[in-house]
Amino acid sequence: MRCPICGKEVASDNQNAPKPFCSNRCQMIDMKRWLNEEYSIETLRLDVDEIEKAILDTELGERQIEE
């Protein structure tokens, strides 16, 4: 396995290595990148109006069933 920061080979038998990184330094570089928002995880953007409409439609449907 290779370190995602520097590309150095990470020995799988080294129990002290901060996996998947080769060193604490590379681990901290990765953490800094996350904290500085250099990395991101793509998410689905939801439209608030569509959500509210779906909730109202569901509530109206439930009321009709109760009546």
Protein backbone atom coordinates (compact mmCIF):
# COMPACT_ATOMS: atom_id res chain seq x y z
CA MET A 1 0.00 0.00 0.00
CA ARG A 2 1.23 3.51 -0.79
CA CYS A 3 0.87 6.61 1.37
CA PRO A 4 -1.81 8.85 -0.21
CA ILE A 5 0.22 11.98 0.59
CA CYS A 6 3.81 11.25 -0.44
CA GLY A 7 3.46 7.96 -2.31
CA LYS A 8 6.01 6.15 -0.14
CA GLU A 9 5.41 2.42 0.33
CA VAL A 10 3.73 1.72 3.70
CA ALA A 11 4.85 -1.54 5.24
CA SER A 12 1.79 -3.60 6.15
CA ASP A 13 3.68 -5.28 9.01
CA ASN A 14 4.48 -1.96 10.72
CA GLN A 15 1.91 -1.77 13.52
CA ASN A 16 3.11 1.71 14.58
CA ALA A 17 2.45 3.38 11.22
CA PRO A 18 -0.67 5.61 11.19
CA LYS A 19 -2.41 3.75 8.36
CA PRO A 20 -2.94 4.49 5.51
CA PHE A 21 -0.13 7.03 5.96
CA CYS A 22 3.59 6.33 6.19
CA SER A 23 4.17 8.79 9.05
CA ASN A 24 2.52 11.13 11.50
CA ARG A 25 3.70 14.00 9.30
CA CYS A 26 1.72 12.74 6.29
CA GLN A 27 -1.26 12.10 8.56
CA MET A 28 -1.14 15.74 9.78
CA ILE A 29 -0.81 17.05 6.21
CA ASP A 30 -3.97 15.14 5.32
CA MET A 31 -5.80 16.50 8.41
CA LYS A 32 -4.76 20.06 7.50
CA ARG A 33 -6.17 19.59 4.01
CA TRP A 34 -9.52 18.44 5.43
CA LEU A 35 -9.63 21.32 7.92
CA ASN A 36 -8.79 23.86 5.20
CA GLU A 37 -11.60 22.35 3.08
CA GLU A 38 -9.19 21.38 0.33
CA TYR A 39 -11.05 18.06 0.16
CA SER A 40 -14.79 17.74 -0.19
CA ILE A 41 -17.40 15.05 -0.35
CA GLU A 42 -20.02 15.50 -3.02
CA THR A 43 -23.54 15.62 -1.64
CA LEU A 44 -26.98 15.77 -3.11
CA ARG A 45 -28.46 19.26 -3.03
CA LEU A 46 -32.07 19.29 -1.98
CA ASP A 47 -34.58 21.96 -2.89
CA VAL A 48 -36.30 23.22 0.27
CA ASP A 49 -39.52 24.01 -1.61
CA GLU A 50 -39.73 20.46 -2.96
CA ILE A 51 -39.17 19.00 0.50
CA GLU A 52 -41.87 21.20 2.05
CA LYS A 53 -44.31 20.27 -0.73
CA ALA A 54 -43.61 16.55 -0.21
CA ILE A 55 -44.21 16.90 3.54
CA LEU A 56 -47.48 18.77 2.99
CA ASP A 57 -48.62 16.21 0.39
CA THR A 58 -47.87 13.40 2.84
CA GLU A 59 -49.72 15.14 5.69
CA LEU A 60 -52.76 15.80 3.47
CA GLY A 61 -52.77 12.18 2.34
CA GLU A 62 -52.67 10.97 5.94
CA ARG A 63 -55.58 13.25 6.89
CA GLN A 64 -57.69 11.91 4.03
CA ILE A 65 -57.06 8.33 5.17
CA GLU A 66 -58.12 9.21 8.77
CA GLU A 67 -61.39 10.84 7.59
